[in-house]
Amino acid sequence: MAKRDDLKRKYASAAALRTKKVDEIRELLAIPPDPSDEEAVEFIAQWLETGQVSVPAELKAKAQRLLREWQSIHMVCIEIQCELDRLGEAEPPLSKEKRR
């Protein structure tokens, strides 16, 4: 039980950090809050893939860094969720992240 509670707390912390990174991505690229977090992350990934020359290198580098950070945190969330599933947790501790 204590391990499960500890994992839930870790998941909540990681999920909050993941949401913060999405908010930073939204702010950087002026993405409105309407699209879901997944759509915002997909948007930045596609934006980076287009390789637009007119984008300042500093902006592109910051976007790449934020995307890498989000992906890393997202993987931690997935790993924690897998561990919770292994322990028999039926529902994700925070299946829907609350938007501000």
PDB file of N, CA and C in Angstrom:
ATOM      1  N   MET A   1       0.819  -1.192   0.000  1.00  0.00           N
ATOM      2  CA  MET A   1       0.000   0.000   0.000  1.00  0.00           C
ATOM      3  C   MET A   1       0.865   1.260   0.000  1.00  0.00           C
ATOM      4  N   ALA A   2       1.898   1.284   0.784  1.00  0.00           N
ATOM      5  CA  ALA A   2       2.757   2.468   0.854  1.00  0.00           C
ATOM      6  C   ALA A   2       3.457   2.704  -0.483  1.00  0.00           C
ATOM      7  N   LYS A   3       3.869   1.620  -1.137  1.00  0.00           N
ATOM      8  CA  LYS A   3       4.530   1.765  -2.437  1.00  0.00           C
ATOM      9  C   LYS A   3       3.560   2.352  -3.455  1.00  0.00           C
ATOM     10  N   ARG A   4       2.330   1.896  -3.432  1.00  0.00           N
ATOM     11  CA  ARG A   4       1.319   2.405  -4.353  1.00  0.00           C
ATOM     12  C   ARG A   4       1.071   3.897  -4.107  1.00  0.00           C
ATOM     13  N   ASP A   5       0.947   4.276  -2.846  1.00  0.00           N
ATOM     14  CA  ASP A   5       0.737   5.685  -2.514  1.00  0.00           C
ATOM     15  C   ASP A   5       1.928   6.535  -2.940  1.00  0.00           C
ATOM     16  N   ASP A   6       3.127   6.001  -2.727  1.00  0.00           N
ATOM     17  CA  ASP A   6       4.336   6.711  -3.144  1.00  0.00           C
ATOM     18  C   ASP A   6       4.351   6.899  -4.659  1.00  0.00           C
ATOM     19  N   LEU A   7       3.976   5.846  -5.395  1.00  0.00           N
ATOM     20  CA  LEU A   7       3.929   5.941  -6.855  1.00  0.00           C
ATOM     21  C   LEU A   7       2.867   6.944  -7.308  1.00  0.00           C
ATOM     22  N   LYS A   8       1.746   6.974  -6.623  1.00  0.00           N
ATOM     23  CA  LYS A   8       0.697   7.942  -6.970  1.00  0.00           C
ATOM     24  C   LYS A   8       1.192   9.368  -6.766  1.00  0.00           C
ATOM     25  N   ARG A   9       1.916   9.601  -5.676  1.00  0.00           N
ATOM     26  CA  ARG A   9       2.467  10.938  -5.430  1.00  0.00           C
ATOM     27  C   ARG A   9       3.493  11.298  -6.505  1.00  0.00           C
ATOM     28  N   LYS A  10       4.345  10.341  -6.860  1.00  0.00           N
ATOM     29  CA  LYS A  10       5.335  10.596  -7.909  1.00  0.00           C
ATOM     30  C   LYS A  10       4.648  10.890  -9.237  1.00  0.00           C
ATOM     31  N   TYR A  11       3.592  10.136  -9.533  1.00  0.00           N
ATOM     32  CA  TYR A  11       2.864  10.355 -10.778  1.00  0.00           C
ATOM     33  C   TYR A  11       2.245  11.753 -10.787  1.00  0.00           C
ATOM     34  N   ALA A  12       1.644  12.144  -9.670  1.00  0.00           N
ATOM     35  CA  ALA A  12       1.022  13.458  -9.588  1.00  0.00           C
ATOM     36  C   ALA A  12       2.056  14.564  -9.799  1.00  0.00           C
ATOM     37  N   SER A  13       3.229  14.403  -9.217  1.00  0.00           N
ATOM     38  CA  SER A  13       4.293  15.396  -9.387  1.00  0.00           C
ATOM     39  C   SER A  13       4.768  15.452 -10.834  1.00  0.00           C
ATOM     40  N   ALA A  14       4.982  14.279 -11.426  1.00  0.00           N
ATOM     41  CA  ALA A  14       5.445  14.223 -12.813  1.00  0.00           C
ATOM     42  C   ALA A  14       4.381  14.773 -13.755  1.00  0.00           C
ATOM     43  N   ALA A  15       3.125  14.454 -13.508  1.00  0.00           N
ATOM     44  CA  ALA A  15       2.040  14.947 -14.358  1.00  0.00           C
ATOM     45  C   ALA A  15       1.934  16.470 -14.262  1.00  0.00           C
ATOM     46  N   ALA A  16       2.122  17.009 -13.073  1.00  0.00           N
ATOM     47  CA  ALA A  16       2.079  18.470 -12.910  1.00  0.00           C
ATOM     48  C   ALA A  16       3.231  19.125 -13.663  1.00  0.00           C
ATOM     49  N   LEU A  17       4.400  18.525 -13.602  1.00  0.00           N
ATOM     50  CA  LEU A  17       5.552  19.058 -14.325  1.00  0.00           C
ATOM     51  C   LEU A  17       5.338  18.951 -15.835  1.00  0.00           C
ATOM     52  N   ARG A  18       4.749  17.843 -16.256  1.00  0.00           N
ATOM     53  CA  ARG A  18       4.450  17.660 -17.685  1.00  0.00           C
ATOM     54  C   ARG A  18       3.483  18.739 -18.164  1.00  0.00           C
ATOM     55  N   THR A  19       2.472  19.046 -17.373  1.00  0.00           N
ATOM     56  CA  THR A  19       1.516  20.095 -17.718  1.00  0.00           C
ATOM     57  C   THR A  19       2.211  21.452 -17.774  1.00  0.00           C
ATOM     58  N   LYS A  20       3.138  21.690 -16.845  1.00  0.00           N
ATOM     59  CA  LYS A  20       3.881  22.953 -16.844  1.00  0.00           C
ATOM     60  C   LYS A  20       4.678  23.099 -18.145  1.00  0.00           C
ATOM     61  N   LYS A  21       5.289  22.002 -18.610  1.00  0.00           N
ATOM     62  CA  LYS A  21       6.057  22.055 -19.861  1.00  0.00           C
ATOM     63  C   LYS A  21       5.143  22.358 -21.042  1.00  0.00           C
ATOM     64  N   VAL A  22       3.952  21.781 -21.040  1.00  0.00           N
ATOM     65  CA  VAL A  22       3.005  22.072 -22.121  1.00  0.00           C
ATOM     66  C   VAL A  22       2.610  23.546 -22.077  1.00  0.00           C
ATOM     67  N   ASP A  23       2.410  24.065 -20.875  1.00  0.00           N
ATOM     68  CA  ASP A  23       2.080  25.489 -20.748  1.00  0.00           C
ATOM     69  C   ASP A  23       3.213  26.364 -21.287  1.00  0.00           C
ATOM     70  N   GLU A  24       4.458  25.970 -21.036  1.00  0.00           N
ATOM     71  CA  GLU A  24       5.605  26.714 -21.570  1.00  0.00           C
ATOM     72  C   GLU A  24       5.630  26.647 -23.096  1.00  0.00           C
ATOM     73  N   ILE A  25       5.293  25.481 -23.637  1.00  0.00           N
ATOM     74  CA  ILE A  25       5.230  25.315 -25.095  1.00  0.00           C
ATOM     75  C   ILE A  25       4.138  26.221 -25.665  1.00  0.00           C
ATOM     76  N   ARG A  26       2.973  26.214 -25.031  1.00  0.00           N
ATOM     77  CA  ARG A  26       1.862  27.063 -25.480  1.00  0.00           C
ATOM     78  C   ARG A  26       2.280  28.532 -25.483  1.00  0.00           C
ATOM     79  N   GLU A  27       2.949  28.944 -24.415  1.00  0.00           N
ATOM     80  CA  GLU A  27       3.370  30.341 -24.306  1.00  0.00           C
ATOM     81  C   GLU A  27       4.412  30.680 -25.370  1.00  0.00           C
ATOM     82  N   LEU A  28       5.372  29.805 -25.565  1.00  0.00           N
ATOM     83  CA  LEU A  28       6.444  30.048 -26.529  1.00  0.00           C
ATOM     84  C   LEU A  28       5.904  30.239 -27.938  1.00  0.00           C
ATOM     85  N   LEU A  29       4.961  29.402 -28.332  1.00  0.00           N
ATOM     86  CA  LEU A  29       4.446  29.435 -29.701  1.00  0.00           C
ATOM     87  C   LEU A  29       3.068  30.077 -29.811  1.00  0.00           C
ATOM     88  N   ALA A  30       2.604  30.681 -28.725  1.00  0.00           N
ATOM     89  CA  ALA A  30       1.295  31.344 -28.706  1.00  0.00           C
ATOM     90  C   ALA A  30       0.178  30.398 -29.151  1.00  0.00           C
ATOM     91  N   ILE A  31       0.197  29.185 -28.612  1.00  0.00           N
ATOM     92  CA  ILE A  31      -0.842  28.199 -28.896  1.00  0.00           C
ATOM     93  C   ILE A  31      -1.982  28.457 -27.919  1.00  0.00           C
ATOM     94  N   PRO A  32      -3.205  28.631 -28.413  1.00  0.00           N
ATOM     95  CA  PRO A  32      -4.328  28.886 -27.512  1.00  0.00           C
ATOM     96  C   PRO A  32      -4.591  27.665 -26.608  1.00  0.00           C
ATOM     97  N   PRO A  33      -5.324  27.863 -25.515  1.00  0.00           N
ATOM     98  CA  PRO A  33      -5.577  26.756 -24.591  1.00  0.00           C
ATOM     99  C   PRO A  33      -6.599  25.739 -25.097  1.00  0.00           C
ATOM    100  N   ASP A  34      -7.267  26.031 -26.210  1.00  0.00           N
ATOM    101  CA  ASP A  34      -8.308  25.134 -26.724  1.00  0.00           C
ATOM    102  C   ASP A  34      -7.795  23.733 -27.075  1.00  0.00           C
ATOM    103  N   PRO A  35      -6.699  23.616 -27.816  1.00  0.00           N
ATOM    104  CA  PRO A  35      -6.237  22.258 -28.134  1.00  0.00           C
ATOM    105  C   PRO A  35      -5.800  21.516 -26.864  1.00  0.00           C
ATOM    106  N   SER A  36      -5.955  20.203 -26.895  1.00  0.00           N
ATOM    107  CA  SER A  36      -5.521  19.397 -25.759  1.00  0.00           C
ATOM    108  C   SER A  36      -4.000  19.467 -25.630  1.00  0.00           C
ATOM    109  N   ASP A  37      -3.494  18.982 -24.504  1.00  0.00           N
ATOM    110  CA  ASP A  37      -2.045  18.962 -24.305  1.00  0.00           C
ATOM    111  C   ASP A  37      -1.363  18.139 -25.398  1.00  0.00           C
ATOM    112  N   GLU A  38      -1.962  17.004 -25.740  1.00  0.00           N
ATOM    113  CA  GLU A  38      -1.390  16.148 -26.780  1.00  0.00           C
ATOM    114  C   GLU A  38      -1.340  16.866 -28.120  1.00  0.00           C
ATOM    115  N   GLU A  39      -2.394  17.607 -28.429  1.00  0.00           N
ATOM    116  CA  GLU A  39      -2.428  18.363 -29.685  1.00  0.00           C
ATOM    117  C   GLU A  39      -1.379  19.470 -29.693  1.00  0.00           C
ATOM    118  N   ALA A  40      -1.174  20.119 -28.545  1.00  0.00           N
ATOM    119  CA  ALA A  40      -0.159  21.167 -28.459  1.00  0.00           C
ATOM    120  C   ALA A  40       1.238  20.588 -28.658  1.00  0.00           C
ATOM    121  N   VAL A  41       1.495  19.420 -28.069  1.00  0.00           N
ATOM    122  CA  VAL A  41       2.797  18.767 -28.226  1.00  0.00           C
ATOM    123  C   VAL A  41       2.986  18.317 -29.672  1.00  0.00           C
ATOM    124  N   GLU A  42       1.932  17.791 -30.276  1.00  0.00           N
ATOM    125  CA  GLU A  42       2.001  17.381 -31.681  1.00  0.00           C
ATOM    126  C   GLU A  42       2.266  18.592 -32.580  1.00  0.00           C
ATOM    127  N   PHE A  43       1.642  19.708 -32.245  1.00  0.00           N
ATOM    128  CA  PHE A  43       1.845  20.936 -33.019  1.00  0.00           C
ATOM    129  C   PHE A  43       3.313  21.358 -32.991  1.00  0.00           C
ATOM    130  N   ILE A  44       3.910  21.379 -31.805  1.00  0.00           N
ATOM    131  CA  ILE A  44       5.314  21.806 -31.719  1.00  0.00           C
ATOM    132  C   ILE A  44       6.217  20.812 -32.444  1.00  0.00           C
ATOM    133  N   ALA A  45       5.909  19.523 -32.356  1.00  0.00           N
ATOM    134  CA  ALA A  45       6.718  18.525 -33.057  1.00  0.00           C
ATOM    135  C   ALA A  45       6.650  18.741 -34.567  1.00  0.00           C
ATOM    136  N   GLN A  46       5.451  18.973 -35.081  1.00  0.00           N
ATOM    137  CA  GLN A  46       5.300  19.230 -36.515  1.00  0.00           C
ATOM    138  C   GLN A  46       5.955  20.541 -36.905  1.00  0.00           C
ATOM    139  N   TRP A  47       5.838  21.543 -36.058  1.00  0.00           N
ATOM    140  CA  TRP A  47       6.447  22.846 -36.323  1.00  0.00           C
ATOM    141  C   TRP A  47       7.958  22.706 -36.436  1.00  0.00           C
ATOM    142  N   LEU A  48       8.541  21.910 -35.550  1.00  0.00           N
ATOM    143  CA  LEU A  48       9.990  21.712 -35.591  1.00  0.00           C
ATOM    144  C   LEU A  48      10.414  20.907 -36.820  1.00  0.00           C
ATOM    145  N   GLU A  49       9.579  19.963 -37.250  1.00  0.00           N
ATOM    146  CA  GLU A  49       9.904  19.134 -38.408  1.00  0.00           C
ATOM    147  C   GLU A  49       9.882  19.910 -39.719  1.00  0.00           C
ATOM    148  N   THR A  50       9.111  20.983 -39.776  1.00  0.00           N
ATOM    149  CA  THR A  50       9.007  21.728 -41.034  1.00  0.00           C
ATOM    150  C   THR A  50      10.321  22.414 -41.380  1.00  0.00           C
ATOM    151  N   GLY A  51      11.140  22.697 -40.365  1.00  0.00           N
ATOM    152  CA  GLY A  51      12.443  23.307 -40.615  1.00  0.00           C
ATOM    153  C   GLY A  51      12.370  24.683 -41.235  1.00  0.00           C
ATOM    154  N   GLN A  52      11.408  25.471 -40.827  1.00  0.00           N
ATOM    155  CA  GLN A  52      11.263  26.810 -41.385  1.00  0.00           C
ATOM    156  C   GLN A  52      12.515  27.640 -41.114  1.00  0.00           C
ATOM    157  N   VAL A  53      13.076  28.179 -42.155  1.00  0.00           N
ATOM    158  CA  VAL A  53      14.308  28.959 -42.061  1.00  0.00           C
ATOM    159  C   VAL A  53      14.059  30.291 -41.357  1.00  0.00           C
ATOM    160  N   SER A  54      12.862  30.823 -41.468  1.00  0.00           N
ATOM    161  CA  SER A  54      12.573  32.142 -40.906  1.00  0.00           C
ATOM    162  C   SER A  54      12.480  32.146 -39.382  1.00  0.00           C
ATOM    163  N   VAL A  55      12.501  30.981 -38.766  1.00  0.00           N
ATOM    164  CA  VAL A  55      12.406  30.892 -37.317  1.00  0.00           C
ATOM    165  C   VAL A  55      13.783  31.146 -36.715  1.00  0.00           C
ATOM    166  N   PRO A  56      13.878  32.086 -35.777  1.00  0.00           N
ATOM    167  CA  PRO A  56      15.175  32.345 -35.148  1.00  0.00           C
ATOM    168  C   PRO A  56      15.722  31.080 -34.476  1.00  0.00           C
ATOM    169  N   ALA A  57      17.010  30.887 -34.582  1.00  0.00           N
ATOM    170  CA  ALA A  57      17.652  29.689 -34.033  1.00  0.00           C
ATOM    171  C   ALA A  57      17.415  29.553 -32.529  1.00  0.00           C
ATOM    172  N   GLU A  58      17.419  30.676 -31.825  1.00  0.00           N
ATOM    173  CA  GLU A  58      17.212  30.633 -30.373  1.00  0.00           C
ATOM    174  C   GLU A  58      15.814  30.113 -30.025  1.00  0.00           C
ATOM    175  N   LEU A  59      14.807  30.560 -30.775  1.00  0.00           N
ATOM    176  CA  LEU A  59      13.435  30.109 -30.550  1.00  0.00           C
ATOM    177  C   LEU A  59      13.303  28.620 -30.854  1.00  0.00           C
ATOM    178  N   LYS A  60      13.894  28.202 -31.953  1.00  0.00           N
ATOM    179  CA  LYS A  60      13.823  26.792 -32.338  1.00  0.00           C
ATOM    180  C   LYS A  60      14.535  25.923 -31.296  1.00  0.00           C
ATOM    181  N   ALA A  61      15.686  26.370 -30.804  1.00  0.00           N
ATOM    182  CA  ALA A  61      16.437  25.614 -29.799  1.00  0.00           C
ATOM    183  C   ALA A  61      15.630  25.486 -28.510  1.00  0.00           C
ATOM    184  N   LYS A  62      14.965  26.562 -28.114  1.00  0.00           N
ATOM    185  CA  LYS A  62      14.151  26.520 -26.897  1.00  0.00           C
ATOM    186  C   LYS A  62      12.975  25.562 -27.085  1.00  0.00           C
ATOM    187  N   ALA A  63      12.356  25.605 -28.241  1.00  0.00           N
ATOM    188  CA  ALA A  63      11.240  24.699 -28.528  1.00  0.00           C
ATOM    189  C   ALA A  63      11.701  23.240 -28.501  1.00  0.00           C
ATOM    190  N   GLN A  64      12.852  22.966 -29.078  1.00  0.00           N
ATOM    191  CA  GLN A  64      13.392  21.601 -29.067  1.00  0.00           C
ATOM    192  C   GLN A  64      13.664  21.138 -27.639  1.00  0.00           C
ATOM    193  N   ARG A  65      14.229  22.029 -26.824  1.00  0.00           N
ATOM    194  CA  ARG A  65      14.527  21.691 -25.430  1.00  0.00           C
ATOM    195  C   ARG A  65      13.239  21.386 -24.667  1.00  0.00           C
ATOM    196  N   LEU A  66      12.230  22.231 -24.835  1.00  0.00           N
ATOM    197  CA  LEU A  66      10.960  22.000 -24.152  1.00  0.00           C
ATOM    198  C   LEU A  66      10.318  20.689 -24.590  1.00  0.00           C
ATOM    199  N   LEU A  67      10.376  20.390 -25.862  1.00  0.00           N
ATOM    200  CA  LEU A  67       9.804  19.145 -26.365  1.00  0.00           C
ATOM    201  C   LEU A  67      10.543  17.938 -25.786  1.00  0.00           C
ATOM    202  N   ARG A  68      11.874  18.004 -25.760  1.00  0.00           N
ATOM    203  CA  ARG A  68      12.654  16.897 -25.169  1.00  0.00           C
ATOM    204  C   ARG A  68      12.322  16.719 -23.687  1.00  0.00           C
ATOM    205  N   GLU A  69      12.213  17.835 -22.969  1.00  0.00           N
ATOM    206  CA  GLU A  69      11.871  17.764 -21.547  1.00  0.00           C
ATOM    207  C   GLU A  69      10.492  17.155 -21.354  1.00  0.00           C
ATOM    208  N   TRP A  70       9.523  17.584 -22.165  1.00  0.00           N
ATOM    209  CA  TRP A  70       8.174  17.033 -22.066  1.00  0.00           C
ATOM    210  C   TRP A  70       8.195  15.531 -22.337  1.00  0.00           C
ATOM    211  N   GLN A  71       8.914  15.114 -23.386  1.00  0.00           N
ATOM    212  CA  GLN A  71       8.970  13.695 -23.730  1.00  0.00           C
ATOM    213  C   GLN A  71       9.583  12.877 -22.600  1.00  0.00           C
ATOM    214  N   SER A  72      10.618  13.404 -21.980  1.00  0.00           N
ATOM    215  CA  SER A  72      11.261  12.712 -20.869  1.00  0.00           C
ATOM    216  C   SER A  72      10.308  12.562 -19.685  1.00  0.00           C
ATOM    217  N   ILE A  73       9.632  13.632 -19.341  1.00  0.00           N
ATOM    218  CA  ILE A  73       8.679  13.597 -18.228  1.00  0.00           C
ATOM    219  C   ILE A  73       7.512  12.678 -18.564  1.00  0.00           C
ATOM    220  N   HIS A  74       7.057  12.704 -19.797  1.00  0.00           N
ATOM    221  CA  HIS A  74       5.961  11.834 -20.236  1.00  0.00           C
ATOM    222  C   HIS A  74       6.351  10.366 -20.090  1.00  0.00           C
ATOM    223  N   MET A  75       7.590  10.041 -20.430  1.00  0.00           N
ATOM    224  CA  MET A  75       8.056   8.653 -20.284  1.00  0.00           C
ATOM    225  C   MET A  75       8.070   8.241 -18.809  1.00  0.00           C
ATOM    226  N   VAL A  76       8.450   9.153 -17.933  1.00  0.00           N
ATOM    227  CA  VAL A  76       8.411   8.857 -16.493  1.00  0.00           C
ATOM    228  C   VAL A  76       6.975   8.566 -16.069  1.00  0.00           C
ATOM    229  N   CYS A  77       6.020   9.358 -16.537  1.00  0.00           N
ATOM    230  CA  CYS A  77       4.608   9.125 -16.216  1.00  0.00           C
ATOM    231  C   CYS A  77       4.166   7.742 -16.696  1.00  0.00           C
ATOM    232  N   ILE A  78       4.563   7.381 -17.890  1.00  0.00           N
ATOM    233  CA  ILE A  78       4.194   6.066 -18.428  1.00  0.00           C
ATOM    234  C   ILE A  78       4.811   4.956 -17.589  1.00  0.00           C
ATOM    235  N   GLU A  79       6.070   5.103 -17.217  1.00  0.00           N
ATOM    236  CA  GLU A  79       6.740   4.084 -16.395  1.00  0.00           C
ATOM    237  C   GLU A  79       6.057   3.934 -15.036  1.00  0.00           C
ATOM    238  N   ILE A  80       5.696   5.055 -14.426  1.00  0.00           N
ATOM    239  CA  ILE A  80       5.008   4.998 -13.137  1.00  0.00           C
ATOM    240  C   ILE A  80       3.651   4.324 -13.299  1.00  0.00           C
ATOM    241  N   GLN A  81       2.924   4.683 -14.362  1.00  0.00           N
ATOM    242  CA  GLN A  81       1.624   4.071 -14.592  1.00  0.00           C
ATOM    243  C   GLN A  81       1.748   2.569 -14.805  1.00  0.00           C
ATOM    244  N   CYS A  82       2.773   2.143 -15.524  1.00  0.00           N
ATOM    245  CA  CYS A  82       3.001   0.704 -15.728  1.00  0.00           C
ATOM    246  C   CYS A  82       3.262   0.004 -14.399  1.00  0.00           C
ATOM    247  N   GLU A  83       4.027   0.647 -13.531  1.00  0.00           N
ATOM    248  CA  GLU A  83       4.309   0.077 -12.212  1.00  0.00           C
ATOM    249  C   GLU A  83       3.025   0.012 -11.378  1.00  0.00           C
ATOM    250  N   LEU A  84       2.207   1.048 -11.445  1.00  0.00           N
ATOM    251  CA  LEU A  84       0.920   1.020 -10.744  1.00  0.00           C
ATOM    252  C   LEU A  84       0.028  -0.099 -11.285  1.00  0.00           C
ATOM    253  N   ASP A  85       0.015  -0.259 -12.592  1.00  0.00           N
ATOM    254  CA  ASP A  85      -0.774  -1.337 -13.199  1.00  0.00           C
ATOM    255  C   ASP A  85      -0.282  -2.694 -12.708  1.00  0.00           C
ATOM    256  N   ARG A  86       1.038  -2.826 -12.622  1.00  0.00           N
ATOM    257  CA  ARG A  86       1.623  -4.084 -12.153  1.00  0.00           C
ATOM    258  C   ARG A  86       1.204  -4.367 -10.708  1.00  0.00           C
ATOM    259  N   LEU A  87       1.065  -3.309  -9.918  1.00  0.00           N
ATOM    260  CA  LEU A  87       0.654  -3.466  -8.520  1.00  0.00           C
ATOM    261  C   LEU A  87      -0.849  -3.642  -8.368  1.00  0.00           C
ATOM    262  N   GLY A  88      -1.576  -3.546  -9.477  1.00  0.00           N
ATOM    263  CA  GLY A  88      -3.008  -3.775  -9.438  1.00  0.00           C
ATOM    264  C   GLY A  88      -3.849  -2.527  -9.337  1.00  0.00           C
ATOM    265  N   GLU A  89      -3.287  -1.401  -9.655  1.00  0.00           N
ATOM    266  CA  GLU A  89      -4.051  -0.153  -9.642  1.00  0.00           C
ATOM    267  C   GLU A  89      -4.942  -0.149 -10.882  1.00  0.00           C
ATOM    268  N   ALA A  90      -6.250  -0.167 -10.686  1.00  0.00           N
ATOM    269  CA  ALA A  90      -7.183  -0.274 -11.813  1.00  0.00           C
ATOM    270  C   ALA A  90      -7.264   1.005 -12.636  1.00  0.00           C
ATOM    271  N   GLU A  91      -7.270   2.146 -12.008  1.00  0.00           N
ATOM    272  CA  GLU A  91      -7.422   3.421 -12.707  1.00  0.00           C
ATOM    273  C   GLU A  91      -6.152   4.245 -12.560  1.00  0.00           C
ATOM    274  N   PRO A  92      -5.812   5.029 -13.596  1.00  0.00           N
ATOM    275  CA  PRO A  92      -4.677   5.946 -13.449  1.00  0.00           C
ATOM    276  C   PRO A  92      -4.947   6.919 -12.309  1.00  0.00           C
ATOM    277  N   PRO A  93      -3.924   7.274 -11.534  1.00  0.00           N
ATOM    278  CA  PRO A  93      -4.145   8.173 -10.417  1.00  0.00           C
ATOM    279  C   PRO A  93      -4.660   9.533 -10.848  1.00  0.00           C
ATOM    280  N   LEU A  94      -4.266   9.988 -12.025  1.00  0.00           N
ATOM    281  CA  LEU A  94      -4.729  11.267 -12.567  1.00  0.00           C
ATOM    282  C   LEU A  94      -4.991  11.068 -14.046  1.00  0.00           C
ATOM    283  N   SER A  95      -6.054  10.369 -14.377  1.00  0.00           N
ATOM    284  CA  SER A  95      -6.287  10.013 -15.776  1.00  0.00           C
ATOM    285  C   SER A  95      -6.525  11.242 -16.638  1.00  0.00           C
ATOM    286  N   LYS A  96      -7.118  12.280 -16.100  1.00  0.00           N
ATOM    287  CA  LYS A  96      -7.326  13.517 -16.853  1.00  0.00           C
ATOM    288  C   LYS A  96      -6.685  14.652 -16.077  1.00  0.00           C
ATOM    289  N   GLU A  97      -5.690  15.263 -16.686  1.00  0.00           N
ATOM    290  CA  GLU A  97      -5.047  16.384 -16.024  1.00  0.00           C
ATOM    291  C   GLU A  97      -5.952  17.594 -16.108  1.00  0.00           C
ATOM    292  N   LYS A  98      -6.096  18.253 -15.015  1.00  0.00           N
ATOM    293  CA  LYS A  98      -6.936  19.455 -14.978  1.00  0.00           C
ATOM    294  C   LYS A  98      -6.188  20.626 -15.575  1.00  0.00           C
ATOM    295  N   ARG A  99      -6.867  21.328 -16.457  1.00  0.00           N
ATOM    296  CA  ARG A  99      -6.293  22.546 -17.058  1.00  0.00           C
ATOM    297  C   ARG A  99      -6.703  23.726 -16.193  1.00  0.00           C
ATOM    298  N   ARG A 100      -5.863  24.710 -16.129  1.00  0.00           N
ATOM    299  CA  ARG A 100      -6.200  25.903 -15.353  1.00  0.00           C
ATOM    300  C   ARG A 100      -7.277  26.700 -16.039  1.00  0.00           C
TER     301      ARG A 100
END
